[in-house]
Amino acid sequence: GIIKNPINDGYVLWGMHKPRAISQPGNVTLSHKGGFDTWILFIDAQGNLEGQLSYGGNKDDQIMDIKYYPAHKSFLVLGGTKSWTDDFANPHFTDTVNGREAWLAEIIYWPTATQDSEQLMEQSVQVYPNPAQDMLQLKLSAAVQNKQLRIGLYNIQGQLVQAQNIDRAQAQEQLLLSNMAEGTYILQVNAGASLLHSEQIIIKR
């Protein structure tokens, strides 16, 4: 599919791709454990690739439609998935039909020509200390402050063990770990459908 991007007079295109191994969103040469993943491309007015996003899980995932949301200067994404892991481990599903679930997400932050997805994740969120004991500190860049964020902590089996929703993110946020057992976890910070940061966290006391 394709729509006009009123923000820069470019275009937003979407489809599916069949990748090869575990990846981070934005790198469509790799994969999310199996099946088809979603693929979103941002093209500028001159036809140059600004950036790309990819989301998926252990089964087939797809995008059915994308609409521009003027109030937030963002994009609303409607899709379907058979997955229950990775990016679709704990989404806000809207319906379930014959084993396929529908999902609705908002993209408020995406890669550009000057900042690829890895740079965005690196610059948007800084996490410390690591290893941690009872608390993690998250330092957020100005680009993501005042946005709605979701912080998720996953065990090594990919299960969500702790989540924190933030309505208006401040420059500094905290995640309490006092009720978590020692071990290795994966921390993910999302703004809408955009994964801003993913990092292995060790809790050690």
Protein backbone atom coordinates (compact mmCIF):
# COMPACT_ATOMS: atom_id res chain seq x y z
CA GLY A 1 0.00 0.00 0.00
CA ILE A 2 0.98 3.65 -0.35
CA ILE A 3 -0.22 7.00 0.98
CA LYS A 4 1.00 10.58 0.69
CA ASN A 5 3.08 11.86 3.61
CA PRO A 6 1.83 15.41 4.30
CA ILE A 7 4.71 16.06 6.68
CA ASN A 8 7.35 16.18 3.96
CA ASP A 9 5.41 15.75 0.68
CA GLY A 10 6.84 12.26 0.38
CA TYR A 11 5.21 8.85 0.67
CA VAL A 12 4.66 6.02 3.13
CA LEU A 13 4.68 2.54 1.62
CA TRP A 14 3.96 -0.74 3.34
CA GLY A 15 3.97 -4.46 2.67
CA MET A 16 5.46 -7.73 3.91
CA HIS A 17 8.88 -9.34 3.69
CA LYS A 18 10.28 -12.78 4.38
CA PRO A 19 13.51 -12.28 6.36
CA ARG A 20 16.21 -14.67 7.54
CA ALA A 21 17.17 -14.37 11.24
CA ILE A 22 16.41 -12.33 14.38
CA SER A 23 16.48 -8.56 13.77
CA GLN A 24 15.79 -5.12 15.16
CA PRO A 25 12.95 -3.03 13.63
CA GLY A 26 14.25 -1.16 10.59
CA ASN A 27 16.59 -3.93 9.40
CA VAL A 28 14.61 -5.94 6.85
CA THR A 29 17.59 -8.09 5.89
CA LEU A 30 16.99 -10.02 9.09
CA SER A 31 13.90 -11.44 10.81
CA HIS A 32 11.73 -12.04 13.85
CA LYS A 33 11.96 -15.83 14.32
CA GLY A 34 9.60 -16.90 11.53
CA GLY A 35 6.84 -16.08 9.07
CA PHE A 36 6.30 -12.86 7.13
CA ASP A 37 7.01 -9.55 8.90
CA THR A 38 5.49 -6.13 8.29
CA TRP A 39 7.54 -3.55 6.36
CA ILE A 40 7.04 0.23 6.30
CA LEU A 41 9.09 2.58 4.09
CA PHE A 42 9.32 6.37 4.39
CA ILE A 43 10.19 8.08 1.08
CA ASP A 44 10.94 11.82 0.73
CA ALA A 45 9.60 14.13 -1.99
CA GLN A 46 12.64 13.37 -4.20
CA GLY A 47 12.07 9.62 -4.02
CA ASN A 48 14.89 8.92 -1.57
CA LEU A 49 14.52 6.36 1.21
CA GLU A 50 14.30 8.21 4.53
CA GLY A 51 13.95 5.19 6.75
CA GLN A 52 12.14 1.92 7.31
CA LEU A 53 10.45 -0.01 10.09
CA SER A 54 9.80 -3.72 10.39
CA TYR A 55 7.72 -5.51 13.01
CA GLY A 56 7.00 -9.18 13.43
CA GLY A 57 6.77 -12.26 15.58
CA ASN A 58 6.95 -16.02 15.29
CA LYS A 59 4.18 -16.31 12.66
CA ASP A 60 2.83 -14.26 9.72
CA ASP A 61 2.13 -10.55 10.31
CA GLN A 62 0.66 -7.97 7.96
CA ILE A 63 -0.45 -4.35 7.60
CA MET A 64 -3.91 -3.75 6.17
CA ASP A 65 -3.99 0.05 6.14
CA ILE A 66 -2.13 3.19 7.26
CA LYS A 67 -3.76 6.60 7.75
CA TYR A 68 -2.24 9.97 8.61
CA TYR A 69 -3.39 11.32 11.99
CA PRO A 70 -3.20 15.16 11.76
CA ALA A 71 -3.84 15.81 15.48
CA HIS A 72 -0.59 14.07 16.44
CA LYS A 73 1.29 14.41 13.13
CA SER A 74 1.60 10.64 13.24
CA PHE A 75 0.39 7.55 11.40
CA LEU A 76 -2.23 5.01 12.51
CA VAL A 77 -1.50 1.46 11.43
CA LEU A 78 -4.12 -1.31 11.20
CA GLY A 79 -2.83 -4.84 10.83
CA GLY A 80 -3.31 -8.50 11.52
CA THR A 81 -1.08 -11.14 13.08
CA LYS A 82 -0.94 -14.80 14.00
CA SER A 83 2.11 -14.16 16.20
CA TRP A 84 2.33 -14.09 19.99
CA THR A 85 6.04 -13.28 20.46
CA ASP A 86 8.53 -10.43 19.89
CA ASP A 87 6.74 -7.24 18.74
CA PHE A 88 3.36 -8.92 19.24
CA ALA A 89 4.07 -10.46 22.65
CA ASN A 90 1.59 -8.20 24.44
CA PRO A 91 -0.08 -5.75 22.03
CA HIS A 92 -3.50 -4.13 22.41
CA PHE A 93 -5.49 -6.45 20.13
CA THR A 94 -8.90 -5.37 18.91
CA ASP A 95 -10.41 -8.60 17.58
CA THR A 96 -9.74 -12.27 17.02
CA VAL A 97 -10.99 -14.20 13.98
CA ASN A 98 -9.94 -17.78 13.15
CA GLY A 99 -6.66 -17.54 15.04
CA ARG A 100 -5.68 -14.19 13.50
CA GLU A 101 -5.80 -11.08 15.68
CA ALA A 102 -6.21 -7.49 14.54
CA TRP A 103 -4.03 -4.72 16.00
CA LEU A 104 -4.01 -0.95 15.86
CA ALA A 105 -0.87 1.07 16.53
CA GLU A 106 0.34 4.64 16.23
CA ILE A 107 3.73 5.51 14.72
CA ILE A 108 4.89 8.79 16.24
CA TYR A 109 8.63 8.43 15.75
CA TRP A 110 10.44 6.89 12.80
CA PRO A 111 13.87 6.74 11.15
CA THR A 112 14.96 9.51 8.79
CA ALA A 113 17.65 9.82 6.15
CA THR A 114 20.07 11.27 8.71
CA GLN A 115 19.17 8.92 11.56
CA ASP A 116 18.70 5.22 10.92
CA SER A 117 16.79 3.03 13.37
CA GLU A 118 19.86 1.98 15.36
CA GLN A 119 20.93 5.61 15.82
CA LEU A 120 17.41 6.52 16.94
CA MET A 121 17.39 3.79 19.57
CA GLU A 122 20.86 4.73 20.77
CA GLN A 123 20.18 8.47 21.00
CA SER A 124 16.60 8.40 22.31
CA VAL A 125 17.06 6.34 25.47
CA GLN A 126 20.04 5.78 27.75
CA VAL A 127 19.73 3.15 30.48
CA TYR A 128 21.87 2.83 33.61
CA PRO A 129 23.20 1.24 35.76
CA ASN A 130 23.70 -2.11 34.08
CA PRO A 131 24.08 -4.46 35.93
CA ALA A 132 21.35 -3.05 38.15
CA GLN A 133 20.11 -3.88 41.65
CA ASP A 134 16.71 -2.43 42.56
CA MET A 135 16.17 0.38 40.05
CA LEU A 136 16.91 1.35 36.45
CA GLN A 137 17.31 4.97 35.38
CA LEU A 138 16.18 5.95 31.87
CA LYS A 139 17.49 9.18 30.41
CA LEU A 140 15.29 10.32 27.50
CA SER A 141 16.22 12.70 24.70
CA ALA A 142 14.12 15.79 23.97
CA ALA A 143 12.69 14.05 20.89
CA VAL A 144 10.73 11.56 23.01
CA GLN A 145 9.93 13.68 26.04
CA ASN A 146 6.21 14.39 26.59
CA LYS A 147 5.29 11.35 24.47
CA GLN A 148 3.43 8.25 25.59
CA LEU A 149 5.93 5.48 26.25
CA ARG A 150 5.68 1.86 27.24
CA ILE A 151 8.54 0.19 29.10
CA GLY A 152 8.57 -3.60 29.00
CA LEU A 153 10.88 -6.02 30.77
CA TYR A 154 11.06 -9.56 29.31
CA ASN A 155 12.69 -12.70 30.61
CA ILE A 156 14.99 -14.78 28.41
CA GLN A 157 11.99 -16.88 27.31
CA GLY A 158 10.45 -13.75 25.79
CA GLN A 159 7.69 -13.46 28.41
CA LEU A 160 6.67 -10.01 29.62
CA VAL A 161 7.38 -9.89 33.36
CA GLN A 162 6.98 -6.18 34.07
CA ALA A 163 5.43 -3.24 32.21
CA GLN A 164 5.13 0.47 32.86
CA ASN A 165 3.07 2.94 30.83
CA ILE A 166 4.05 6.62 30.84
CA ASP A 167 1.55 9.22 29.62
CA ARG A 168 3.98 12.14 29.29
CA ALA A 169 7.61 11.09 29.45
CA GLN A 170 10.03 13.28 31.38
CA ALA A 171 13.76 13.69 30.81
CA GLN A 172 14.40 11.08 33.50
CA GLU A 173 12.24 8.04 34.23
CA GLN A 174 12.71 5.09 36.58
CA LEU A 175 11.83 1.40 36.55
CA LEU A 176 11.69 -0.36 39.91
CA LEU A 177 13.32 -3.80 40.01
CA SER A 178 13.04 -4.64 43.70
CA ASN A 179 10.46 -7.39 43.06
CA MET A 180 12.47 -8.97 40.23
CA ALA A 181 14.75 -11.98 40.69
CA GLU A 182 18.40 -11.83 39.76
CA GLY A 183 19.11 -12.77 36.16
CA THR A 184 19.20 -11.58 32.57
CA TYR A 185 16.32 -9.66 31.01
CA ILE A 186 15.52 -7.68 27.86
CA LEU A 187 14.34 -4.09 28.32
CA GLN A 188 12.26 -2.54 25.54
CA VAL A 189 11.02 1.05 25.30
CA ASN A 190 8.25 1.75 22.79
CA ALA A 191 6.59 4.95 21.59
CA GLY A 192 3.40 3.77 19.93
CA ALA A 193 4.45 1.11 17.43
CA SER A 194 8.03 2.37 17.28
CA LEU A 195 10.68 0.51 19.23
CA LEU A 196 13.01 3.20 20.57
CA HIS A 197 15.35 1.05 22.59
CA SER A 198 16.12 -2.61 23.27
CA GLU A 199 18.86 -3.69 25.65
CA GLN A 200 19.94 -6.69 27.67
CA ILE A 201 19.70 -5.92 31.38
CA ILE A 202 21.35 -7.88 34.18
CA ILE A 203 19.92 -7.74 37.70
CA LYS A 204 22.58 -8.61 40.25
CA ARG A 205 22.57 -7.98 44.00
